[in-house]
Amino acid sequence: MNNGQTRKHIYPGLEVDIVLKQDQRTGKTTRGIVKDILTNSPNHPHGIKVRLQDGQVGRVKTILGNQQ
């Protein structure tokens, strides 16, 4: 498993755990498949921001694996 702070490790179709904006205080994660990468910088200390296939947006906490 990999953390989600490096953009080059994240791509559409990847299964990840993200933290939604409303869950930042608790750290609760949501699992899903990456649809779009929203962060442009190559690294981000809080995690790369992505949109999941179900439309939810959050920062990647954990990279789980490839679902393609």
PDB file of N, CA and C in Angstrom:
ATOM      1  N   MET A   1       0.840  -1.193   0.000  1.00  0.00           N
ATOM      2  CA  MET A   1       0.000   0.000   0.000  1.00  0.00           C
ATOM      3  C   MET A   1       0.877   1.246   0.000  1.00  0.00           C
ATOM      4  N   ASN A   2       0.363   2.270  -0.606  1.00  0.00           N
ATOM      5  CA  ASN A   2       1.121   3.498  -0.803  1.00  0.00           C
ATOM      6  C   ASN A   2       0.299   4.671  -0.315  1.00  0.00           C
ATOM      7  N   ASN A   3       0.977   5.713   0.163  1.00  0.00           N
ATOM      8  CA  ASN A   3       0.202   6.896   0.534  1.00  0.00           C
ATOM      9  C   ASN A   3      -0.100   7.708  -0.717  1.00  0.00           C
ATOM     10  N   GLY A   4      -1.015   8.643  -0.613  1.00  0.00           N
ATOM     11  CA  GLY A   4      -1.509   9.341  -1.785  1.00  0.00           C
ATOM     12  C   GLY A   4      -0.958  10.736  -1.966  1.00  0.00           C
ATOM     13  N   GLN A   5       0.314  10.958  -1.586  1.00  0.00           N
ATOM     14  CA  GLN A   5       0.885  12.296  -1.671  1.00  0.00           C
ATOM     15  C   GLN A   5       1.610  12.563  -2.986  1.00  0.00           C
ATOM     16  N   THR A   6       1.849  11.545  -3.789  1.00  0.00           N
ATOM     17  CA  THR A   6       2.584  11.698  -5.044  1.00  0.00           C
ATOM     18  C   THR A   6       1.654  11.449  -6.222  1.00  0.00           C
ATOM     19  N   ARG A   7       1.533  12.457  -7.096  1.00  0.00           N
ATOM     20  CA  ARG A   7       0.573  12.414  -8.197  1.00  0.00           C
ATOM     21  C   ARG A   7       0.863  11.282  -9.192  1.00  0.00           C
ATOM     22  N   LYS A   8       2.143  10.993  -9.441  1.00  0.00           N
ATOM     23  CA  LYS A   8       2.476   9.999 -10.471  1.00  0.00           C
ATOM     24  C   LYS A   8       2.045   8.583 -10.087  1.00  0.00           C
ATOM     25  N   HIS A   9       1.735   8.343  -8.806  1.00  0.00           N
ATOM     26  CA  HIS A   9       1.287   7.020  -8.362  1.00  0.00           C
ATOM     27  C   HIS A   9      -0.223   6.837  -8.518  1.00  0.00           C
ATOM     28  N   ILE A  10      -0.934   7.900  -8.922  1.00  0.00           N
ATOM     29  CA  ILE A  10      -2.396   7.869  -8.968  1.00  0.00           C
ATOM     30  C   ILE A  10      -2.859   8.048 -10.412  1.00  0.00           C
ATOM     31  N   TYR A  11      -3.826   7.239 -10.832  1.00  0.00           N
ATOM     32  CA  TYR A  11      -4.338   7.312 -12.194  1.00  0.00           C
ATOM     33  C   TYR A  11      -5.779   6.793 -12.209  1.00  0.00           C
ATOM     34  N   PRO A  12      -6.566   7.170 -13.216  1.00  0.00           N
ATOM     35  CA  PRO A  12      -7.947   6.681 -13.313  1.00  0.00           C
ATOM     36  C   PRO A  12      -8.008   5.156 -13.319  1.00  0.00           C
ATOM     37  N   GLY A  13      -8.979   4.607 -12.587  1.00  0.00           N
ATOM     38  CA  GLY A  13      -9.153   3.165 -12.488  1.00  0.00           C
ATOM     39  C   GLY A  13      -8.525   2.573 -11.244  1.00  0.00           C
ATOM     40  N   LEU A  14      -7.783   3.377 -10.488  1.00  0.00           N
ATOM     41  CA  LEU A  14      -7.100   2.908  -9.286  1.00  0.00           C
ATOM     42  C   LEU A  14      -8.056   2.913  -8.105  1.00  0.00           C
ATOM     43  N   GLU A  15      -8.034   1.864  -7.275  1.00  0.00           N
ATOM     44  CA  GLU A  15      -8.854   1.822  -6.059  1.00  0.00           C
ATOM     45  C   GLU A  15      -8.095   2.515  -4.932  1.00  0.00           C
ATOM     46  N   VAL A  16      -8.767   3.464  -4.272  1.00  0.00           N
ATOM     47  CA  VAL A  16      -8.133   4.271  -3.225  1.00  0.00           C
ATOM     48  C   VAL A  16      -9.093   4.493  -2.057  1.00  0.00           C
ATOM     49  N   ASP A  17      -8.520   4.869  -0.917  1.00  0.00           N
ATOM     50  CA  ASP A  17      -9.289   5.410   0.203  1.00  0.00           C
ATOM     51  C   ASP A  17      -9.036   6.903   0.223  1.00  0.00           C
ATOM     52  N   ILE A  18     -10.118   7.706   0.257  1.00  0.00           N
ATOM     53  CA  ILE A  18      -9.979   9.154   0.313  1.00  0.00           C
ATOM     54  C   ILE A  18     -10.618   9.684   1.590  1.00  0.00           C
ATOM     55  N   VAL A  19     -10.215  10.903   1.969  1.00  0.00           N
ATOM     56  CA  VAL A  19     -10.867  11.624   3.059  1.00  0.00           C
ATOM     57  C   VAL A  19     -11.654  12.764   2.422  1.00  0.00           C
ATOM     58  N   LEU A  20     -12.966  12.744   2.612  1.00  0.00           N
ATOM     59  CA  LEU A  20     -13.833  13.797   2.092  1.00  0.00           C
ATOM     60  C   LEU A  20     -13.648  15.060   2.925  1.00  0.00           C
ATOM     61  N   LYS A  21     -13.985  16.217   2.360  1.00  0.00           N
ATOM     62  CA  LYS A  21     -13.834  17.501   3.049  1.00  0.00           C
ATOM     63  C   LYS A  21     -14.531  17.473   4.415  1.00  0.00           C
ATOM     64  N   GLN A  22     -15.758  16.969   4.458  1.00  0.00           N
ATOM     65  CA  GLN A  22     -16.512  16.964   5.716  1.00  0.00           C
ATOM     66  C   GLN A  22     -15.973  15.964   6.732  1.00  0.00           C
ATOM     67  N   ASP A  23     -15.093  15.047   6.285  1.00  0.00           N
ATOM     68  CA  ASP A  23     -14.527  14.039   7.194  1.00  0.00           C
ATOM     69  C   ASP A  23     -13.091  14.354   7.613  1.00  0.00           C
ATOM     70  N   GLN A  24     -12.578  15.529   7.239  1.00  0.00           N
ATOM     71  CA  GLN A  24     -11.176  15.848   7.549  1.00  0.00           C
ATOM     72  C   GLN A  24     -10.896  15.863   9.044  1.00  0.00           C
ATOM     73  N   ARG A  25     -11.851  16.300   9.845  1.00  0.00           N
ATOM     74  CA  ARG A  25     -11.634  16.368  11.295  1.00  0.00           C
ATOM     75  C   ARG A  25     -11.557  14.979  11.918  1.00  0.00           C
ATOM     76  N   THR A  26     -12.385  14.052  11.431  1.00  0.00           N
ATOM     77  CA  THR A  26     -12.424  12.710  12.006  1.00  0.00           C
ATOM     78  C   THR A  26     -11.422  11.770  11.336  1.00  0.00           C
ATOM     79  N   GLY A  27     -11.063  12.066  10.074  1.00  0.00           N
ATOM     80  CA  GLY A  27     -10.152  11.189   9.348  1.00  0.00           C
ATOM     81  C   GLY A  27     -10.839   9.980   8.736  1.00  0.00           C
ATOM     82  N   LYS A  28     -12.186   9.951   8.768  1.00  0.00           N
ATOM     83  CA  LYS A  28     -12.953   8.849   8.181  1.00  0.00           C
ATOM     84  C   LYS A  28     -12.655   8.761   6.682  1.00  0.00           C
ATOM     85  N   THR A  29     -12.418   7.544   6.202  1.00  0.00           N
ATOM     86  CA  THR A  29     -12.089   7.366   4.786  1.00  0.00           C
ATOM     87  C   THR A  29     -13.268   6.781   4.013  1.00  0.00           C
ATOM     88  N   THR A  30     -13.262   7.042   2.716  1.00  0.00           N
ATOM     89  CA  THR A  30     -14.258   6.536   1.783  1.00  0.00           C
ATOM     90  C   THR A  30     -13.514   5.820   0.671  1.00  0.00           C
ATOM     91  N   ARG A  31     -13.955   4.608   0.350  1.00  0.00           N
ATOM     92  CA  ARG A  31     -13.278   3.810  -0.676  1.00  0.00           C
ATOM     93  C   ARG A  31     -13.961   3.985  -2.021  1.00  0.00           C
ATOM     94  N   GLY A  32     -13.145   4.048  -3.071  1.00  0.00           N
ATOM     95  CA  GLY A  32     -13.718   4.168  -4.406  1.00  0.00           C
ATOM     96  C   GLY A  32     -12.659   4.057  -5.486  1.00  0.00           C
ATOM     97  N   ILE A  33     -13.107   4.226  -6.724  1.00  0.00           N
ATOM     98  CA  ILE A  33     -12.247   4.126  -7.901  1.00  0.00           C
ATOM     99  C   ILE A  33     -12.034   5.532  -8.459  1.00  0.00           C
ATOM    100  N   VAL A  34     -10.777   5.894  -8.726  1.00  0.00           N
ATOM    101  CA  VAL A  34     -10.441   7.222  -9.238  1.00  0.00           C
ATOM    102  C   VAL A  34     -11.027   7.415 -10.631  1.00  0.00           C
ATOM    103  N   LYS A  35     -11.710   8.563 -10.825  1.00  0.00           N
ATOM    104  CA  LYS A  35     -12.195   8.954 -12.142  1.00  0.00           C
ATOM    105  C   LYS A  35     -11.316  10.065 -12.703  1.00  0.00           C
ATOM    106  N   ASP A  36     -11.077  11.125 -11.898  1.00  0.00           N
ATOM    107  CA  ASP A  36     -10.284  12.277 -12.332  1.00  0.00           C
ATOM    108  C   ASP A  36      -9.298  12.661 -11.242  1.00  0.00           C
ATOM    109  N   ILE A  37      -8.133  13.158 -11.649  1.00  0.00           N
ATOM    110  CA  ILE A  37      -7.151  13.716 -10.716  1.00  0.00           C
ATOM    111  C   ILE A  37      -7.309  15.230 -10.762  1.00  0.00           C
ATOM    112  N   LEU A  38      -7.549  15.853  -9.602  1.00  0.00           N
ATOM    113  CA  LEU A  38      -7.833  17.278  -9.551  1.00  0.00           C
ATOM    114  C   LEU A  38      -6.633  18.122  -9.128  1.00  0.00           C
ATOM    115  N   THR A  39      -5.636  17.525  -8.491  1.00  0.00           N
ATOM    116  CA  THR A  39      -4.435  18.253  -8.077  1.00  0.00           C
ATOM    117  C   THR A  39      -3.445  18.304  -9.236  1.00  0.00           C
ATOM    118  N   ASN A  40      -2.931  19.492  -9.533  1.00  0.00           N
ATOM    119  CA  ASN A  40      -1.977  19.648 -10.633  1.00  0.00           C
ATOM    120  C   ASN A  40      -0.528  19.477 -10.205  1.00  0.00           C
ATOM    121  N   SER A  41      -0.211  19.793  -8.944  1.00  0.00           N
ATOM    122  CA  SER A  41       1.179  19.711  -8.505  1.00  0.00           C
ATOM    123  C   SER A  41       1.612  18.249  -8.368  1.00  0.00           C
ATOM    124  N   PRO A  42       2.920  17.965  -8.515  1.00  0.00           N
ATOM    125  CA  PRO A  42       3.387  16.570  -8.463  1.00  0.00           C
ATOM    126  C   PRO A  42       3.284  15.939  -7.080  1.00  0.00           C
ATOM    127  N   ASN A  43       3.280  16.762  -6.022  1.00  0.00           N
ATOM    128  CA  ASN A  43       3.173  16.258  -4.645  1.00  0.00           C
ATOM    129  C   ASN A  43       2.245  17.174  -3.856  1.00  0.00           C
ATOM    130  N   HIS A  44       1.581  16.610  -2.844  1.00  0.00           N
ATOM    131  CA  HIS A  44       0.777  17.421  -1.933  1.00  0.00           C
ATOM    132  C   HIS A  44       0.837  16.779  -0.559  1.00  0.00           C
ATOM    133  N   PRO A  45       1.177  17.556   0.489  1.00  0.00           N
ATOM    134  CA  PRO A  45       1.366  16.971   1.825  1.00  0.00           C
ATOM    135  C   PRO A  45       0.102  16.359   2.431  1.00  0.00           C
ATOM    136  N   HIS A  46      -1.079  16.818   2.008  1.00  0.00           N
ATOM    137  CA  HIS A  46      -2.331  16.279   2.557  1.00  0.00           C
ATOM    138  C   HIS A  46      -2.951  15.223   1.661  1.00  0.00           C
ATOM    139  N   GLY A  47      -2.303  14.916   0.543  1.00  0.00           N
ATOM    140  CA  GLY A  47      -2.826  13.920  -0.383  1.00  0.00           C
ATOM    141  C   GLY A  47      -3.318  14.563  -1.664  1.00  0.00           C
ATOM    142  N   ILE A  48      -3.221  13.833  -2.756  1.00  0.00           N
ATOM    143  CA  ILE A  48      -3.667  14.311  -4.064  1.00  0.00           C
ATOM    144  C   ILE A  48      -5.196  14.306  -4.087  1.00  0.00           C
ATOM    145  N   LYS A  49      -5.788  15.409  -4.551  1.00  0.00           N
ATOM    146  CA  LYS A  49      -7.255  15.503  -4.612  1.00  0.00           C
ATOM    147  C   LYS A  49      -7.748  14.812  -5.885  1.00  0.00           C
ATOM    148  N   VAL A  50      -8.754  13.946  -5.702  1.00  0.00           N
ATOM    149  CA  VAL A  50      -9.313  13.189  -6.823  1.00  0.00           C
ATOM    150  C   VAL A  50     -10.842  13.212  -6.779  1.00  0.00           C
ATOM    151  N   ARG A  51     -11.445  12.910  -7.931  1.00  0.00           N
ATOM    152  CA  ARG A  51     -12.890  12.662  -8.013  1.00  0.00           C
ATOM    153  C   ARG A  51     -13.063  11.173  -8.251  1.00  0.00           C
ATOM    154  N   LEU A  52     -13.908  10.543  -7.449  1.00  0.00           N
ATOM    155  CA  LEU A  52     -14.192   9.127  -7.620  1.00  0.00           C
ATOM    156  C   LEU A  52     -15.245   8.939  -8.707  1.00  0.00           C
ATOM    157  N   GLN A  53     -15.423   7.698  -9.154  1.00  0.00           N
ATOM    158  CA  GLN A  53     -16.405   7.403 -10.197  1.00  0.00           C
ATOM    159  C   GLN A  53     -17.822   7.732  -9.760  1.00  0.00           C
ATOM    160  N   ASP A  54     -18.092   7.724  -8.447  1.00  0.00           N
ATOM    161  CA  ASP A  54     -19.436   8.069  -7.962  1.00  0.00           C
ATOM    162  C   ASP A  54     -19.613   9.572  -7.748  1.00  0.00           C
ATOM    163  N   GLY A  55     -18.573  10.379  -8.077  1.00  0.00           N
ATOM    164  CA  GLY A  55     -18.682  11.826  -8.013  1.00  0.00           C
ATOM    165  C   GLY A  55     -18.140  12.462  -6.746  1.00  0.00           C
ATOM    166  N   GLN A  56     -17.812  11.676  -5.735  1.00  0.00           N
ATOM    167  CA  GLN A  56     -17.283  12.234  -4.495  1.00  0.00           C
ATOM    168  C   GLN A  56     -15.854  12.740  -4.711  1.00  0.00           C
ATOM    169  N   VAL A  57     -15.506  13.840  -4.015  1.00  0.00           N
ATOM    170  CA  VAL A  57     -14.195  14.462  -4.152  1.00  0.00           C
ATOM    171  C   VAL A  57     -13.515  14.465  -2.796  1.00  0.00           C
ATOM    172  N   GLY A  58     -12.232  14.074  -2.783  1.00  0.00           N
ATOM    173  CA  GLY A  58     -11.461  14.090  -1.549  1.00  0.00           C
ATOM    174  C   GLY A  58      -9.992  13.867  -1.827  1.00  0.00           C
ATOM    175  N   ARG A  59      -9.212  13.836  -0.750  1.00  0.00           N
ATOM    176  CA  ARG A  59      -7.770  13.648  -0.867  1.00  0.00           C
ATOM    177  C   ARG A  59      -7.400  12.194  -0.590  1.00  0.00           C
ATOM    178  N   VAL A  60      -6.514  11.643  -1.421  1.00  0.00           N
ATOM    179  CA  VAL A  60      -6.119  10.233  -1.306  1.00  0.00           C
ATOM    180  C   VAL A  60      -5.323  10.021  -0.027  1.00  0.00           C
ATOM    181  N   LYS A  61      -5.796   9.084   0.786  1.00  0.00           N
ATOM    182  CA  LYS A  61      -5.110   8.692   2.016  1.00  0.00           C
ATOM    183  C   LYS A  61      -4.273   7.439   1.769  1.00  0.00           C
ATOM    184  N   THR A  62      -4.878   6.460   1.070  1.00  0.00           N
ATOM    185  CA  THR A  62      -4.224   5.169   0.836  1.00  0.00           C
ATOM    186  C   THR A  62      -4.520   4.679  -0.579  1.00  0.00           C
ATOM    187  N   ILE A  63      -3.488   4.191  -1.251  1.00  0.00           N
ATOM    188  CA  ILE A  63      -3.658   3.563  -2.561  1.00  0.00           C
ATOM    189  C   ILE A  63      -3.793   2.057  -2.316  1.00  0.00           C
ATOM    190  N   LEU A  64      -4.901   1.471  -2.771  1.00  0.00           N
ATOM    191  CA  LEU A  64      -5.174   0.064  -2.498  1.00  0.00           C
ATOM    192  C   LEU A  64      -4.748  -0.851  -3.629  1.00  0.00           C
ATOM    193  N   GLY A  65      -5.043  -0.490  -4.857  1.00  0.00           N
ATOM    194  CA  GLY A  65      -4.659  -1.356  -5.966  1.00  0.00           C
ATOM    195  C   GLY A  65      -5.390  -1.012  -7.236  1.00  0.00           C
ATOM    196  N   ASN A  66      -5.114  -1.773  -8.273  1.00  0.00           N
ATOM    197  CA  ASN A  66      -5.659  -1.522  -9.600  1.00  0.00           C
ATOM    198  C   ASN A  66      -6.932  -2.336  -9.793  1.00  0.00           C
ATOM    199  N   GLN A  67      -7.995  -1.686 -10.260  1.00  0.00           N
ATOM    200  CA  GLN A  67      -9.270  -2.353 -10.510  1.00  0.00           C
ATOM    201  C   GLN A  67      -9.551  -2.503 -12.001  1.00  0.00           C
ATOM    202  N   GLN A  68      -8.600  -2.169 -12.865  1.00  0.00           N
ATOM    203  CA  GLN A  68      -8.864  -2.218 -14.303  1.00  0.00           C
ATOM    204  C   GLN A  68      -8.938  -3.640 -14.807  1.00  0.00           C
TER     205      GLN A  68
END
